[in-house]
N, C-alpha and C. Protein backbone atom coordinates (compact mmCIF):
# COMPACT_ATOMS: atom_id res chain seq x y z
N MET A 1 5.87 2.30 40.74
CA MET A 1 6.57 2.16 39.48
C MET A 1 7.41 0.89 39.47
N THR A 2 8.06 0.59 40.57
CA THR A 2 8.88 -0.63 40.62
C THR A 2 8.03 -1.88 40.49
N ASP A 3 6.79 -1.85 40.99
CA ASP A 3 5.89 -3.00 40.83
C ASP A 3 5.55 -3.21 39.35
N ALA A 4 5.31 -2.12 38.63
CA ALA A 4 4.99 -2.21 37.21
C ALA A 4 6.19 -2.76 36.43
N VAL A 5 7.39 -2.30 36.77
CA VAL A 5 8.60 -2.80 36.10
C VAL A 5 8.76 -4.30 36.35
N ALA A 6 8.56 -4.73 37.58
CA ALA A 6 8.68 -6.15 37.91
C ALA A 6 7.63 -6.97 37.15
N ALA A 7 6.40 -6.47 37.08
CA ALA A 7 5.33 -7.18 36.36
C ALA A 7 5.62 -7.24 34.86
N ALA A 8 6.18 -6.19 34.31
CA ALA A 8 6.44 -6.14 32.87
C ALA A 8 7.50 -7.14 32.44
N LYS A 9 8.43 -7.45 33.30
CA LYS A 9 9.53 -8.35 32.94
C LYS A 9 9.06 -9.73 32.52
N SER A 10 7.89 -10.15 32.98
CA SER A 10 7.40 -11.48 32.63
C SER A 10 6.46 -11.47 31.41
N LYS A 11 6.22 -10.31 30.83
CA LYS A 11 5.31 -10.21 29.68
C LYS A 11 6.08 -10.29 28.37
N ARG A 12 5.36 -10.65 27.31
CA ARG A 12 5.96 -10.68 25.98
C ARG A 12 6.41 -9.28 25.57
N ASN A 13 5.48 -8.33 25.64
CA ASN A 13 5.81 -6.93 25.43
C ASN A 13 5.97 -6.30 26.79
N LYS A 14 7.12 -5.75 27.03
CA LYS A 14 7.45 -5.19 28.34
C LYS A 14 7.27 -3.67 28.33
N LEU A 15 6.13 -3.24 27.82
CA LEU A 15 5.84 -1.81 27.68
C LEU A 15 5.00 -1.33 28.86
N ILE A 16 5.46 -0.24 29.47
CA ILE A 16 4.71 0.41 30.55
C ILE A 16 4.39 1.82 30.10
N ILE A 17 3.11 2.15 30.07
CA ILE A 17 2.65 3.48 29.67
C ILE A 17 2.17 4.18 30.92
N VAL A 18 2.81 5.28 31.25
CA VAL A 18 2.49 6.02 32.47
C VAL A 18 1.71 7.26 32.09
N ASN A 19 0.43 7.27 32.42
CA ASN A 19 -0.47 8.37 32.07
C ASN A 19 -0.41 9.43 33.16
N THR A 20 0.51 10.36 32.99
CA THR A 20 0.72 11.43 33.96
C THR A 20 1.43 12.58 33.27
N LYS A 21 1.74 13.61 34.01
CA LYS A 21 2.51 14.74 33.48
C LYS A 21 3.99 14.35 33.39
N LYS A 22 4.66 14.94 32.41
CA LYS A 22 6.06 14.62 32.16
C LYS A 22 6.94 14.87 33.38
N VAL A 23 6.70 15.96 34.10
CA VAL A 23 7.52 16.29 35.28
C VAL A 23 7.39 15.19 36.34
N ALA A 24 6.17 14.73 36.59
CA ALA A 24 5.95 13.66 37.58
C ALA A 24 6.63 12.37 37.12
N PHE A 25 6.53 12.07 35.84
CA PHE A 25 7.17 10.87 35.28
C PHE A 25 8.68 10.93 35.47
N GLU A 26 9.27 12.05 35.12
CA GLU A 26 10.72 12.18 35.21
C GLU A 26 11.21 12.08 36.66
N LYS A 27 10.43 12.62 37.60
CA LYS A 27 10.79 12.49 39.02
C LYS A 27 10.71 11.03 39.46
N ALA A 28 9.66 10.33 39.05
CA ALA A 28 9.49 8.93 39.43
C ALA A 28 10.59 8.07 38.81
N ILE A 29 10.96 8.36 37.59
CA ILE A 29 12.02 7.62 36.91
C ILE A 29 13.36 7.84 37.63
N ALA A 30 13.63 9.08 37.98
CA ALA A 30 14.88 9.39 38.70
C ALA A 30 14.91 8.68 40.05
N ALA A 31 13.75 8.57 40.70
CA ALA A 31 13.67 7.93 42.02
C ALA A 31 14.03 6.45 41.97
N ILE A 32 13.84 5.81 40.82
CA ILE A 32 14.22 4.40 40.70
C ILE A 32 15.56 4.23 39.97
N GLY A 33 16.26 5.35 39.80
CA GLY A 33 17.62 5.29 39.27
C GLY A 33 17.75 5.22 37.77
N LEU A 34 16.75 5.69 37.04
CA LEU A 34 16.81 5.68 35.57
C LEU A 34 16.92 7.09 35.03
N ASP A 35 17.51 7.21 33.86
CA ASP A 35 17.51 8.46 33.11
C ASP A 35 16.43 8.38 32.05
N CYS A 36 15.94 9.53 31.64
CA CYS A 36 14.95 9.59 30.57
C CYS A 36 15.66 9.89 29.25
N ILE A 37 15.33 9.15 28.22
CA ILE A 37 15.87 9.42 26.89
C ILE A 37 14.92 10.38 26.19
N ASN A 38 15.44 11.52 25.78
CA ASN A 38 14.66 12.54 25.08
C ASN A 38 14.70 12.21 23.59
N LEU A 39 13.69 11.50 23.11
CA LEU A 39 13.68 11.06 21.71
C LEU A 39 13.60 12.23 20.74
N ASN A 40 12.82 13.26 21.05
CA ASN A 40 12.72 14.40 20.13
C ASN A 40 14.08 15.03 19.86
N LEU A 41 14.86 15.21 20.90
CA LEU A 41 16.17 15.84 20.74
C LEU A 41 17.07 14.99 19.84
N LEU A 42 17.18 13.72 20.14
CA LEU A 42 18.05 12.84 19.36
C LEU A 42 17.54 12.65 17.94
N LEU A 43 16.23 12.50 17.80
CA LEU A 43 15.65 12.30 16.47
C LEU A 43 15.78 13.56 15.62
N SER A 44 15.53 14.72 16.19
CA SER A 44 15.62 15.96 15.41
C SER A 44 17.05 16.19 14.93
N GLU A 45 18.04 15.88 15.77
CA GLU A 45 19.43 16.01 15.34
C GLU A 45 19.72 15.09 14.16
N LYS A 46 19.21 13.87 14.22
CA LYS A 46 19.43 12.90 13.15
C LYS A 46 18.71 13.32 11.86
N LEU A 47 17.47 13.78 12.00
CA LEU A 47 16.68 14.14 10.82
C LEU A 47 17.29 15.30 10.05
N LEU A 48 18.01 16.17 10.73
CA LEU A 48 18.66 17.29 10.03
C LEU A 48 19.67 16.81 9.01
N GLU A 49 20.22 15.63 9.21
CA GLU A 49 21.22 15.05 8.32
C GLU A 49 20.61 14.32 7.12
N ILE A 50 19.30 14.12 7.14
CA ILE A 50 18.64 13.27 6.15
C ILE A 50 17.73 14.11 5.26
N PRO A 51 17.78 13.90 3.94
CA PRO A 51 16.86 14.63 3.06
C PRO A 51 15.40 14.34 3.45
N VAL A 52 14.56 15.34 3.30
CA VAL A 52 13.15 15.23 3.69
C VAL A 52 12.50 14.00 3.07
N SER A 53 12.79 13.72 1.82
CA SER A 53 12.16 12.60 1.13
C SER A 53 12.52 11.24 1.71
N LYS A 54 13.60 11.16 2.47
CA LYS A 54 14.05 9.87 3.02
C LYS A 54 13.84 9.75 4.52
N ARG A 55 13.31 10.78 5.15
CA ARG A 55 13.19 10.78 6.60
C ARG A 55 12.27 9.68 7.14
N SER A 56 11.14 9.46 6.49
CA SER A 56 10.19 8.47 7.03
C SER A 56 10.81 7.08 7.07
N ARG A 57 11.67 6.76 6.13
CA ARG A 57 12.30 5.44 6.10
C ARG A 57 13.42 5.30 7.13
N SER A 58 13.93 6.41 7.62
CA SER A 58 15.07 6.38 8.54
C SER A 58 14.69 6.35 10.01
N VAL A 59 13.49 6.82 10.33
CA VAL A 59 13.09 6.99 11.73
C VAL A 59 13.09 5.67 12.50
N ASP A 60 12.41 4.68 11.97
CA ASP A 60 12.26 3.40 12.65
C ASP A 60 13.62 2.79 12.98
N SER A 61 14.49 2.69 11.98
CA SER A 61 15.79 2.07 12.20
C SER A 61 16.67 2.90 13.14
N PHE A 62 16.58 4.23 13.06
CA PHE A 62 17.37 5.07 13.97
C PHE A 62 16.98 4.81 15.42
N ILE A 63 15.68 4.79 15.70
CA ILE A 63 15.23 4.59 17.08
C ILE A 63 15.56 3.18 17.56
N LYS A 64 15.35 2.19 16.72
CA LYS A 64 15.70 0.82 17.11
C LYS A 64 17.19 0.69 17.40
N ASP A 65 18.03 1.31 16.57
CA ASP A 65 19.48 1.26 16.80
C ASP A 65 19.85 2.00 18.09
N LEU A 66 19.20 3.12 18.33
CA LEU A 66 19.44 3.89 19.55
C LEU A 66 19.15 3.06 20.80
N ILE A 67 18.01 2.38 20.78
CA ILE A 67 17.61 1.56 21.93
C ILE A 67 18.54 0.35 22.08
N LYS A 68 18.87 -0.29 20.97
CA LYS A 68 19.75 -1.46 21.02
C LYS A 68 21.15 -1.10 21.52
N SER A 69 21.59 0.11 21.25
CA SER A 69 22.93 0.52 21.67
C SER A 69 23.02 0.81 23.17
N ASN A 70 21.88 0.90 23.82
CA ASN A 70 21.84 1.15 25.26
C ASN A 70 21.83 -0.20 25.98
N ASN A 71 22.71 -0.37 26.95
CA ASN A 71 22.82 -1.68 27.61
C ASN A 71 21.95 -1.83 28.85
N MET A 72 21.08 -0.88 29.13
CA MET A 72 20.19 -0.98 30.29
C MET A 72 19.05 -1.95 30.00
N ASN A 73 18.61 -2.68 31.01
CA ASN A 73 17.47 -3.60 30.86
C ASN A 73 16.14 -2.89 30.90
N THR A 74 16.13 -1.68 31.47
CA THR A 74 14.92 -0.88 31.56
C THR A 74 15.24 0.52 31.05
N LEU A 75 14.43 1.01 30.11
CA LEU A 75 14.63 2.34 29.55
C LEU A 75 13.37 3.18 29.69
N ALA A 76 13.57 4.46 29.95
CA ALA A 76 12.45 5.40 30.03
C ALA A 76 12.57 6.38 28.87
N LEU A 77 11.46 6.58 28.16
CA LEU A 77 11.44 7.47 27.00
C LEU A 77 10.44 8.59 27.22
N SER A 78 10.85 9.79 26.85
CA SER A 78 9.93 10.92 26.90
C SER A 78 10.19 11.80 25.68
N ASN A 79 9.38 12.80 25.53
CA ASN A 79 9.55 13.75 24.42
C ASN A 79 9.66 13.03 23.07
N TYR A 80 8.60 12.37 22.70
CA TYR A 80 8.60 11.60 21.45
C TYR A 80 7.52 12.11 20.48
N GLU A 81 7.05 13.33 20.68
CA GLU A 81 5.95 13.87 19.88
C GLU A 81 6.27 13.92 18.39
N LEU A 82 7.53 14.06 18.01
CA LEU A 82 7.88 14.08 16.59
C LEU A 82 7.40 12.82 15.87
N LEU A 83 7.34 11.72 16.59
CA LEU A 83 6.92 10.46 15.96
C LEU A 83 5.48 10.50 15.46
N PHE A 84 4.69 11.45 15.95
CA PHE A 84 3.30 11.55 15.52
C PHE A 84 3.12 12.41 14.27
N LEU A 85 4.18 13.05 13.80
CA LEU A 85 4.06 13.87 12.60
C LEU A 85 3.67 12.99 11.41
N PRO A 86 2.59 13.32 10.73
CA PRO A 86 2.14 12.48 9.61
C PRO A 86 3.20 12.27 8.53
N GLU A 87 4.02 13.27 8.29
CA GLU A 87 5.03 13.15 7.23
C GLU A 87 6.11 12.11 7.55
N LEU A 88 6.25 11.74 8.81
CA LEU A 88 7.22 10.70 9.16
C LEU A 88 6.65 9.29 9.03
N LYS A 89 5.34 9.19 8.86
CA LYS A 89 4.66 7.91 8.59
C LYS A 89 5.03 6.82 9.60
N GLN A 90 4.92 7.17 10.88
CA GLN A 90 5.24 6.23 11.95
C GLN A 90 4.00 5.89 12.75
N ASP A 91 4.04 4.76 13.40
CA ASP A 91 3.03 4.39 14.38
C ASP A 91 3.77 4.25 15.70
N PRO A 92 3.84 5.35 16.46
CA PRO A 92 4.68 5.36 17.66
C PRO A 92 4.38 4.22 18.64
N MET A 93 3.13 3.94 18.88
CA MET A 93 2.81 2.92 19.88
C MET A 93 3.25 1.53 19.41
N ARG A 94 3.08 1.23 18.15
CA ARG A 94 3.54 -0.06 17.62
C ARG A 94 5.07 -0.15 17.68
N LEU A 95 5.73 0.96 17.44
CA LEU A 95 7.18 1.01 17.56
C LEU A 95 7.61 0.72 19.00
N PHE A 96 6.93 1.35 19.96
CA PHE A 96 7.25 1.11 21.38
C PHE A 96 6.97 -0.34 21.78
N GLU A 97 5.87 -0.89 21.27
CA GLU A 97 5.58 -2.31 21.56
C GLU A 97 6.70 -3.20 21.01
N ASP A 98 7.14 -2.90 19.81
CA ASP A 98 8.21 -3.68 19.19
C ASP A 98 9.51 -3.57 20.00
N LEU A 99 9.85 -2.37 20.42
CA LEU A 99 11.06 -2.15 21.22
C LEU A 99 10.99 -2.88 22.55
N SER A 100 9.78 -3.03 23.08
CA SER A 100 9.62 -3.62 24.41
C SER A 100 9.67 -5.14 24.41
N LYS A 101 9.90 -5.75 23.29
CA LYS A 101 10.06 -7.21 23.27
C LYS A 101 11.40 -7.62 23.87
N GLU A 102 12.38 -6.73 23.80
CA GLU A 102 13.74 -7.02 24.27
C GLU A 102 14.01 -6.57 25.69
N ARG A 103 13.35 -5.50 26.13
CA ARG A 103 13.61 -4.92 27.45
C ARG A 103 12.40 -4.12 27.91
N VAL A 104 12.37 -3.77 29.17
CA VAL A 104 11.27 -2.96 29.71
C VAL A 104 11.42 -1.53 29.17
N ILE A 105 10.35 -1.04 28.58
CA ILE A 105 10.30 0.34 28.07
C ILE A 105 9.19 1.07 28.82
N LEU A 106 9.54 2.17 29.45
CA LEU A 106 8.56 3.04 30.11
C LEU A 106 8.41 4.30 29.28
N ILE A 107 7.17 4.69 29.03
CA ILE A 107 6.94 5.97 28.34
C ILE A 107 5.91 6.77 29.13
N VAL A 108 6.04 8.07 29.05
CA VAL A 108 5.05 8.95 29.65
C VAL A 108 3.98 9.21 28.59
N TRP A 109 2.72 9.18 29.02
CA TRP A 109 1.59 9.46 28.12
C TRP A 109 0.81 10.62 28.70
N GLU A 110 0.94 11.78 28.07
CA GLU A 110 0.23 12.96 28.56
C GLU A 110 -1.12 13.14 27.89
N GLY A 111 -1.44 12.25 26.98
CA GLY A 111 -2.76 12.29 26.34
C GLY A 111 -3.82 11.69 27.24
N ARG A 112 -5.00 11.48 26.68
CA ARG A 112 -6.11 10.92 27.46
C ARG A 112 -6.03 9.40 27.49
N TYR A 113 -6.57 8.86 28.58
CA TYR A 113 -6.77 7.42 28.70
C TYR A 113 -8.19 7.23 29.20
N GLU A 114 -9.06 6.71 28.34
CA GLU A 114 -10.47 6.50 28.68
C GLU A 114 -10.95 5.20 28.08
N ASN A 115 -11.74 4.45 28.82
CA ASN A 115 -12.35 3.22 28.32
C ASN A 115 -11.33 2.29 27.66
N ASN A 116 -10.22 2.10 28.33
CA ASN A 116 -9.15 1.22 27.85
C ASN A 116 -8.55 1.65 26.51
N SER A 117 -8.65 2.92 26.19
CA SER A 117 -8.06 3.45 24.96
C SER A 117 -7.20 4.66 25.29
N LEU A 118 -6.10 4.78 24.55
CA LEU A 118 -5.23 5.96 24.66
C LEU A 118 -5.53 6.88 23.49
N TYR A 119 -5.56 8.18 23.76
CA TYR A 119 -5.84 9.17 22.73
C TYR A 119 -4.72 10.20 22.69
N TYR A 120 -4.21 10.44 21.50
CA TYR A 120 -3.20 11.48 21.29
C TYR A 120 -3.84 12.55 20.43
N ALA A 121 -3.87 13.77 20.93
CA ALA A 121 -4.47 14.93 20.25
C ALA A 121 -6.00 14.77 20.19
N GLU A 122 -6.63 15.68 19.50
CA GLU A 122 -8.08 15.67 19.35
C GLU A 122 -8.45 15.14 17.96
N PRO A 123 -9.66 14.59 17.79
CA PRO A 123 -10.03 13.96 16.52
C PRO A 123 -9.85 14.86 15.28
N TRP A 124 -9.98 16.14 15.44
CA TRP A 124 -9.84 17.05 14.30
C TRP A 124 -8.39 17.38 13.96
N HIS A 125 -7.46 17.02 14.84
CA HIS A 125 -6.05 17.37 14.66
C HIS A 125 -5.37 16.37 13.73
N ARG A 126 -4.45 16.84 12.92
CA ARG A 126 -3.79 15.96 11.94
C ARG A 126 -2.92 14.87 12.58
N GLU A 127 -2.53 15.05 13.83
CA GLU A 127 -1.71 14.05 14.51
C GLU A 127 -2.53 13.10 15.39
N TYR A 128 -3.85 13.20 15.32
CA TYR A 128 -4.74 12.40 16.17
C TYR A 128 -4.48 10.91 16.01
N ARG A 129 -4.44 10.22 17.14
CA ARG A 129 -4.34 8.76 17.16
C ARG A 129 -5.19 8.22 18.30
N GLU A 130 -5.75 7.06 18.07
CA GLU A 130 -6.46 6.32 19.11
C GLU A 130 -5.88 4.92 19.14
N TYR A 131 -5.54 4.46 20.33
CA TYR A 131 -4.97 3.13 20.49
C TYR A 131 -5.84 2.30 21.42
N LYS A 132 -6.27 1.15 20.92
CA LYS A 132 -7.06 0.20 21.71
C LYS A 132 -6.29 -1.12 21.79
N ASP A 133 -6.60 -1.90 22.79
CA ASP A 133 -6.06 -3.26 22.90
C ASP A 133 -4.54 -3.32 22.82
N LEU A 134 -3.89 -2.45 23.54
CA LEU A 134 -2.43 -2.48 23.56
C LEU A 134 -1.93 -3.58 24.50
N ASP A 135 -0.85 -4.19 24.13
CA ASP A 135 -0.20 -5.17 24.99
C ASP A 135 0.79 -4.41 25.86
N ALA A 136 0.25 -3.76 26.90
CA ALA A 136 1.07 -2.90 27.75
C ALA A 136 0.45 -2.81 29.14
N ILE A 137 1.27 -2.41 30.09
CA ILE A 137 0.78 -2.09 31.43
C ILE A 137 0.53 -0.60 31.47
N ILE A 138 -0.67 -0.20 31.86
CA ILE A 138 -1.02 1.22 31.96
C ILE A 138 -0.98 1.61 33.44
N VAL A 139 -0.22 2.63 33.75
CA VAL A 139 -0.15 3.18 35.11
C VAL A 139 -0.75 4.58 35.04
N GLN A 140 -1.73 4.84 35.88
CA GLN A 140 -2.42 6.13 35.83
C GLN A 140 -2.16 6.98 37.06
N GLY A 141 -2.22 8.29 36.85
CA GLY A 141 -2.24 9.24 37.96
C GLY A 141 -0.96 9.35 38.74
N ASN A 142 -1.12 9.48 40.05
CA ASN A 142 0.03 9.69 40.93
C ASN A 142 0.93 8.47 40.92
N ILE A 143 2.18 8.71 40.68
CA ILE A 143 3.14 7.61 40.63
C ILE A 143 4.15 7.80 41.69
């Protein structure tokens, strides 16, 4: 994990996607001295304050402000499944790429990674996403 963080620092987008189980990710993050930011918890608390009709416009700026307010050079994010809800009209991976221009961002990816593509959910599911050609470092398996 520390090798990936070091490599990411020299890239334009400093995004590291770790394709593993959340528990393994959180242990690896703790081992290098980082805390995990639980985006679902913070976002759900914020969304309760916002009328449903205005939520999609608030998500992007809330998360960007949250990340900017943290003074760490490297951040780990987990529990971000809310971002895939169609009614929030977000593109989570593009948001993470954008956030990673300023600092190293590590995220756990529990979806599939095949043929250089990331898959969230199944094609028939309303939250399905496929991501190709990401400007990110992908770390797979045992970390």
